[in-house]
Amino acid sequence: MRLSQHETDSLRKALESKRAELLRTFGESLAAGTRSEEETFPDPMDAATRAEEENEQLGRANLARGLLAEIDQALAKIAAGTYGLSELSGLEIPLERLRAVPWARLTADEEERREIEMGAR
């Protein structure tokens, strides 16, 4: 059962909304993660604490960047007419899964098998 135009439009809007949210998160985290270049800390403990906070912010920015790439790929698939199909098997990804994870690239079973295989390595 292919996605209807209404379902595809709804999922596109969800992807675009999540993308806008991630762009804000990415910008804020990147800015917070690079602030100490402007500051000096006479106390080494303050400097260490700030460095740890910056690393956390840069980690958040990196996670946001990765998810942005996934969302951009999903939006490109909508434009190409291949959205909602597993990249592994070509099977349709159930609507429930796409509503939960609109950037899903595999069916839930395929994703689970892939994670098990990756964990075994």
N, C-alpha and C. Protein backbone atom coordinates (compact mmCIF):
# COMPACT_ATOMS: atom_id res chain seq x y z
N MET A 1 0.84 -1.17 0.00
CA MET A 1 0.00 0.00 0.00
C MET A 1 0.89 1.25 0.00
N ARG A 2 0.96 1.93 -1.10
CA ARG A 2 1.76 3.14 -1.21
C ARG A 2 1.13 4.26 -0.37
N LEU A 3 1.97 5.20 0.02
CA LEU A 3 1.49 6.35 0.79
C LEU A 3 0.60 7.22 -0.09
N SER A 4 -0.46 7.72 0.50
CA SER A 4 -1.32 8.66 -0.23
C SER A 4 -0.62 10.01 -0.28
N GLN A 5 -1.11 10.89 -1.13
CA GLN A 5 -0.53 12.24 -1.21
C GLN A 5 -0.68 12.97 0.11
N HIS A 6 -1.83 12.78 0.76
CA HIS A 6 -2.07 13.41 2.06
C HIS A 6 -1.06 12.91 3.10
N GLU A 7 -0.82 11.60 3.14
CA GLU A 7 0.15 11.04 4.09
C GLU A 7 1.56 11.55 3.79
N THR A 8 1.92 11.57 2.52
CA THR A 8 3.24 12.07 2.13
C THR A 8 3.40 13.53 2.51
N ASP A 9 2.38 14.34 2.26
CA ASP A 9 2.43 15.76 2.61
C ASP A 9 2.58 15.95 4.12
N SER A 10 1.84 15.16 4.88
CA SER A 10 1.92 15.23 6.34
C SER A 10 3.32 14.86 6.83
N LEU A 11 3.90 13.81 6.26
CA LEU A 11 5.24 13.39 6.66
C LEU A 11 6.29 14.42 6.21
N ARG A 12 6.10 15.03 5.04
CA ARG A 12 7.00 16.07 4.58
C ARG A 12 7.00 17.25 5.56
N LYS A 13 5.82 17.63 6.01
CA LYS A 13 5.71 18.73 6.97
C LYS A 13 6.40 18.38 8.28
N ALA A 14 6.25 17.13 8.73
CA ALA A 14 6.92 16.70 9.96
C ALA A 14 8.44 16.75 9.78
N LEU A 15 8.92 16.31 8.62
CA LEU A 15 10.36 16.36 8.35
C LEU A 15 10.86 17.81 8.30
N GLU A 16 10.13 18.66 7.64
CA GLU A 16 10.54 20.07 7.54
C GLU A 16 10.53 20.75 8.91
N SER A 17 9.55 20.42 9.74
CA SER A 17 9.50 20.98 11.09
C SER A 17 10.68 20.51 11.92
N LYS A 18 10.97 19.22 11.86
CA LYS A 18 12.11 18.67 12.60
C LYS A 18 13.41 19.26 12.08
N ARG A 19 13.49 19.47 10.78
CA ARG A 19 14.69 20.06 10.18
C ARG A 19 14.92 21.47 10.71
N ALA A 20 13.87 22.28 10.78
CA ALA A 20 13.99 23.64 11.30
C ALA A 20 14.43 23.63 12.76
N GLU A 21 13.85 22.73 13.54
CA GLU A 21 14.24 22.59 14.94
C GLU A 21 15.72 22.20 15.08
N LEU A 22 16.16 21.26 14.25
CA LEU A 22 17.56 20.82 14.31
C LEU A 22 18.53 21.90 13.85
N LEU A 23 18.12 22.70 12.89
CA LEU A 23 18.98 23.81 12.45
C LEU A 23 19.21 24.80 13.59
N ARG A 24 18.14 25.07 14.36
CA ARG A 24 18.29 25.95 15.52
C ARG A 24 19.22 25.31 16.55
N THR A 25 18.98 24.03 16.85
CA THR A 25 19.80 23.31 17.83
C THR A 25 21.26 23.29 17.39
N PHE A 26 21.48 23.00 16.12
CA PHE A 26 22.84 22.95 15.60
C PHE A 26 23.53 24.30 15.77
N GLY A 27 22.86 25.37 15.38
CA GLY A 27 23.46 26.70 15.49
C GLY A 27 23.74 27.09 16.92
N GLU A 28 22.78 26.83 17.80
CA GLU A 28 22.96 27.17 19.22
C GLU A 28 24.09 26.35 19.85
N SER A 29 24.11 25.06 19.57
CA SER A 29 25.13 24.19 20.14
C SER A 29 26.52 24.53 19.61
N LEU A 30 26.59 24.82 18.33
CA LEU A 30 27.87 25.19 17.74
C LEU A 30 28.39 26.49 18.35
N ALA A 31 27.50 27.46 18.50
CA ALA A 31 27.90 28.74 19.10
C ALA A 31 28.35 28.54 20.55
N ALA A 32 27.60 27.76 21.31
CA ALA A 32 27.96 27.51 22.71
C ALA A 32 29.22 26.68 22.83
N GLY A 33 29.47 25.84 21.85
CA GLY A 33 30.63 24.97 21.89
C GLY A 33 31.92 25.62 21.45
N THR A 34 31.84 26.84 20.96
CA THR A 34 33.05 27.53 20.50
C THR A 34 33.25 28.87 21.17
N ARG A 35 32.57 29.08 22.27
CA ARG A 35 32.61 30.38 22.96
C ARG A 35 33.93 30.66 23.67
N SER A 36 34.61 29.65 24.16
CA SER A 36 35.77 29.90 25.00
C SER A 36 36.93 30.53 24.25
N GLU A 37 36.88 30.50 22.93
CA GLU A 37 37.92 31.18 22.17
C GLU A 37 37.94 32.67 22.51
N GLU A 38 36.80 33.17 22.95
CA GLU A 38 36.68 34.59 23.28
C GLU A 38 36.99 34.86 24.75
N GLU A 39 37.04 33.80 25.57
CA GLU A 39 37.18 33.97 27.00
C GLU A 39 38.52 33.41 27.48
N THR A 40 38.97 33.96 28.59
CA THR A 40 40.14 33.39 29.27
C THR A 40 39.73 33.05 30.70
N PHE A 41 40.27 31.96 31.19
CA PHE A 41 39.94 31.49 32.52
C PHE A 41 41.22 31.39 33.35
N PRO A 42 41.37 32.26 34.34
CA PRO A 42 42.58 32.20 35.16
C PRO A 42 42.64 30.92 36.00
N ASP A 43 41.49 30.39 36.40
CA ASP A 43 41.44 29.18 37.20
C ASP A 43 41.39 27.96 36.27
N PRO A 44 42.35 27.05 36.39
CA PRO A 44 42.37 25.86 35.51
C PRO A 44 41.10 25.01 35.64
N MET A 45 40.49 24.96 36.81
CA MET A 45 39.26 24.19 36.98
C MET A 45 38.11 24.81 36.19
N ASP A 46 38.04 26.13 36.18
CA ASP A 46 37.02 26.82 35.39
C ASP A 46 37.23 26.52 33.90
N ALA A 47 38.47 26.56 33.49
CA ALA A 47 38.79 26.28 32.08
C ALA A 47 38.43 24.84 31.72
N ALA A 48 38.71 23.90 32.62
CA ALA A 48 38.39 22.49 32.37
C ALA A 48 36.88 22.28 32.32
N THR A 49 36.16 22.91 33.22
CA THR A 49 34.71 22.79 33.23
C THR A 49 34.13 23.34 31.93
N ARG A 50 34.62 24.50 31.53
CA ARG A 50 34.14 25.12 30.29
C ARG A 50 34.46 24.24 29.08
N ALA A 51 35.65 23.65 29.07
CA ALA A 51 36.03 22.78 27.96
C ALA A 51 35.10 21.56 27.89
N GLU A 52 34.75 21.01 29.03
CA GLU A 52 33.83 19.87 29.06
C GLU A 52 32.44 20.28 28.54
N GLU A 53 31.97 21.44 28.98
CA GLU A 53 30.68 21.93 28.50
C GLU A 53 30.70 22.15 26.99
N GLU A 54 31.79 22.69 26.50
CA GLU A 54 31.90 22.92 25.06
C GLU A 54 31.92 21.61 24.29
N ASN A 55 32.61 20.61 24.82
CA ASN A 55 32.63 19.31 24.15
C ASN A 55 31.23 18.72 24.08
N GLU A 56 30.45 18.86 25.14
CA GLU A 56 29.07 18.38 25.13
C GLU A 56 28.25 19.12 24.07
N GLN A 57 28.42 20.43 24.00
CA GLN A 57 27.68 21.22 23.01
C GLN A 57 28.08 20.84 21.58
N LEU A 58 29.37 20.63 21.37
CA LEU A 58 29.83 20.23 20.04
C LEU A 58 29.33 18.83 19.69
N GLY A 59 29.21 17.97 20.69
CA GLY A 59 28.63 16.65 20.47
C GLY A 59 27.17 16.75 20.05
N ARG A 60 26.42 17.64 20.72
CA ARG A 60 25.02 17.87 20.33
C ARG A 60 24.94 18.40 18.90
N ALA A 61 25.83 19.31 18.57
CA ALA A 61 25.84 19.87 17.21
C ALA A 61 26.13 18.77 16.19
N ASN A 62 27.04 17.88 16.52
CA ASN A 62 27.38 16.78 15.61
C ASN A 62 26.20 15.83 15.42
N LEU A 63 25.49 15.51 16.51
CA LEU A 63 24.30 14.67 16.41
C LEU A 63 23.23 15.34 15.55
N ALA A 64 23.03 16.63 15.76
CA ALA A 64 22.05 17.37 14.97
C ALA A 64 22.43 17.36 13.50
N ARG A 65 23.71 17.53 13.21
CA ARG A 65 24.17 17.53 11.82
C ARG A 65 23.90 16.18 11.15
N GLY A 66 24.14 15.09 11.88
CA GLY A 66 23.88 13.76 11.33
C GLY A 66 22.40 13.54 11.04
N LEU A 67 21.55 13.96 11.96
CA LEU A 67 20.11 13.81 11.76
C LEU A 67 19.61 14.73 10.64
N LEU A 68 20.21 15.90 10.53
CA LEU A 68 19.85 16.79 9.41
C LEU A 68 20.14 16.11 8.08
N ALA A 69 21.24 15.40 7.98
CA ALA A 69 21.57 14.69 6.74
C ALA A 69 20.52 13.61 6.45
N GLU A 70 20.08 12.90 7.49
CA GLU A 70 19.05 11.88 7.31
C GLU A 70 17.74 12.51 6.82
N ILE A 71 17.39 13.64 7.40
CA ILE A 71 16.15 14.32 7.03
C ILE A 71 16.25 14.86 5.60
N ASP A 72 17.39 15.43 5.26
CA ASP A 72 17.57 15.92 3.89
C ASP A 72 17.46 14.78 2.88
N GLN A 73 17.98 13.62 3.25
CA GLN A 73 17.88 12.46 2.36
C GLN A 73 16.41 12.03 2.22
N ALA A 74 15.66 12.03 3.32
CA ALA A 74 14.25 11.67 3.26
C ALA A 74 13.47 12.66 2.38
N LEU A 75 13.77 13.95 2.52
CA LEU A 75 13.09 14.96 1.69
C LEU A 75 13.44 14.77 0.21
N ALA A 76 14.67 14.40 -0.07
CA ALA A 76 15.08 14.15 -1.46
C ALA A 76 14.35 12.92 -2.01
N LYS A 77 14.12 11.93 -1.16
CA LYS A 77 13.40 10.73 -1.59
C LYS A 77 11.93 11.07 -1.88
N ILE A 78 11.35 11.97 -1.10
CA ILE A 78 9.98 12.40 -1.39
C ILE A 78 9.95 13.03 -2.78
N ALA A 79 10.90 13.90 -3.06
CA ALA A 79 10.95 14.58 -4.36
C ALA A 79 11.16 13.58 -5.50
N ALA A 80 11.92 12.51 -5.22
CA ALA A 80 12.21 11.52 -6.25
C ALA A 80 11.13 10.45 -6.38
N GLY A 81 10.20 10.44 -5.42
CA GLY A 81 9.14 9.44 -5.46
C GLY A 81 9.52 8.09 -4.89
N THR A 82 10.61 8.04 -4.13
CA THR A 82 11.06 6.76 -3.55
C THR A 82 10.91 6.73 -2.03
N TYR A 83 10.28 7.73 -1.47
CA TYR A 83 10.11 7.80 -0.03
C TYR A 83 9.20 6.68 0.45
N GLY A 84 9.56 6.12 1.61
CA GLY A 84 8.74 5.07 2.21
C GLY A 84 9.10 3.67 1.78
N LEU A 85 10.16 3.55 0.98
CA LEU A 85 10.64 2.24 0.55
C LEU A 85 11.98 1.95 1.22
N SER A 86 12.14 0.72 1.68
CA SER A 86 13.39 0.32 2.31
C SER A 86 14.55 0.42 1.33
N GLU A 87 15.66 0.98 1.78
CA GLU A 87 16.85 1.04 0.94
C GLU A 87 17.51 -0.32 0.80
N LEU A 88 17.17 -1.24 1.67
CA LEU A 88 17.77 -2.57 1.64
C LEU A 88 16.98 -3.53 0.75
N SER A 89 15.69 -3.60 0.98
CA SER A 89 14.88 -4.61 0.30
C SER A 89 13.90 -4.03 -0.73
N GLY A 90 13.63 -2.75 -0.66
CA GLY A 90 12.63 -2.16 -1.53
C GLY A 90 11.21 -2.34 -1.01
N LEU A 91 11.07 -3.01 0.14
CA LEU A 91 9.75 -3.19 0.74
C LEU A 91 9.24 -1.85 1.26
N GLU A 92 7.93 -1.74 1.34
CA GLU A 92 7.34 -0.52 1.89
C GLU A 92 7.57 -0.46 3.39
N ILE A 93 7.93 0.70 3.86
CA ILE A 93 8.07 0.93 5.30
C ILE A 93 6.68 1.29 5.81
N PRO A 94 6.18 0.58 6.84
CA PRO A 94 4.83 0.87 7.32
C PRO A 94 4.65 2.32 7.76
N LEU A 95 3.46 2.84 7.50
CA LEU A 95 3.13 4.22 7.83
C LEU A 95 3.38 4.51 9.31
N GLU A 96 3.05 3.57 10.18
CA GLU A 96 3.25 3.78 11.62
C GLU A 96 4.72 4.06 11.93
N ARG A 97 5.61 3.33 11.27
CA ARG A 97 7.05 3.55 11.48
C ARG A 97 7.46 4.93 10.95
N LEU A 98 6.95 5.29 9.79
CA LEU A 98 7.29 6.59 9.22
C LEU A 98 6.75 7.73 10.07
N ARG A 99 5.61 7.53 10.69
CA ARG A 99 5.10 8.57 11.58
C ARG A 99 5.99 8.71 12.81
N ALA A 100 6.52 7.60 13.30
CA ALA A 100 7.39 7.64 14.47
C ALA A 100 8.78 8.14 14.11
N VAL A 101 9.30 7.70 12.97
CA VAL A 101 10.64 8.06 12.52
C VAL A 101 10.55 8.40 11.03
N PRO A 102 10.14 9.64 10.70
CA PRO A 102 9.90 9.97 9.30
C PRO A 102 11.13 9.86 8.40
N TRP A 103 12.31 9.80 8.97
CA TRP A 103 13.54 9.68 8.17
C TRP A 103 14.00 8.23 8.09
N ALA A 104 13.15 7.27 8.50
CA ALA A 104 13.51 5.85 8.47
C ALA A 104 13.90 5.43 7.05
N ARG A 105 14.97 4.65 6.97
CA ARG A 105 15.47 4.18 5.68
C ARG A 105 15.24 2.69 5.48
N LEU A 106 14.90 2.00 6.58
CA LEU A 106 14.68 0.56 6.55
C LEU A 106 13.40 0.23 7.31
N THR A 107 12.86 -0.96 7.07
CA THR A 107 11.75 -1.42 7.90
C THR A 107 12.29 -1.67 9.30
N ALA A 108 11.40 -1.77 10.26
CA ALA A 108 11.83 -1.99 11.65
C ALA A 108 12.59 -3.31 11.78
N ASP A 109 12.12 -4.37 11.12
CA ASP A 109 12.82 -5.66 11.19
C ASP A 109 14.21 -5.57 10.60
N GLU A 110 14.34 -4.90 9.47
CA GLU A 110 15.65 -4.75 8.83
C GLU A 110 16.59 -3.93 9.72
N GLU A 111 16.06 -2.88 10.32
CA GLU A 111 16.88 -2.04 11.20
C GLU A 111 17.35 -2.85 12.41
N GLU A 112 16.46 -3.65 12.97
CA GLU A 112 16.82 -4.47 14.13
C GLU A 112 17.90 -5.49 13.75
N ARG A 113 17.75 -6.14 12.60
CA ARG A 113 18.78 -7.11 12.16
C ARG A 113 20.11 -6.40 11.94
N ARG A 114 20.07 -5.22 11.36
CA ARG A 114 21.30 -4.46 11.11
C ARG A 114 21.99 -4.09 12.43
N GLU A 115 21.22 -3.67 13.41
CA GLU A 115 21.79 -3.32 14.71
C GLU A 115 22.39 -4.54 15.40
N ILE A 116 21.74 -5.69 15.28
CA ILE A 116 22.28 -6.92 15.86
C ILE A 116 23.59 -7.29 15.18
N GLU A 117 23.61 -7.21 13.86
CA GLU A 117 24.84 -7.51 13.11
C GLU A 117 25.96 -6.55 13.48
N MET A 118 25.64 -5.26 13.63
CA MET A 118 26.66 -4.27 14.00
C MET A 118 27.17 -4.54 15.41
N GLY A 119 26.30 -4.97 16.31
CA GLY A 119 26.70 -5.25 17.68
C GLY A 119 27.57 -6.50 17.77
N ALA A 120 27.41 -7.42 16.82
CA ALA A 120 28.18 -8.66 16.84
C ALA A 120 29.61 -8.43 16.34
N ARG A 121 29.84 -7.31 15.74
CA ARG A 121 31.19 -7.04 15.19
C ARG A 121 32.10 -6.46 16.21
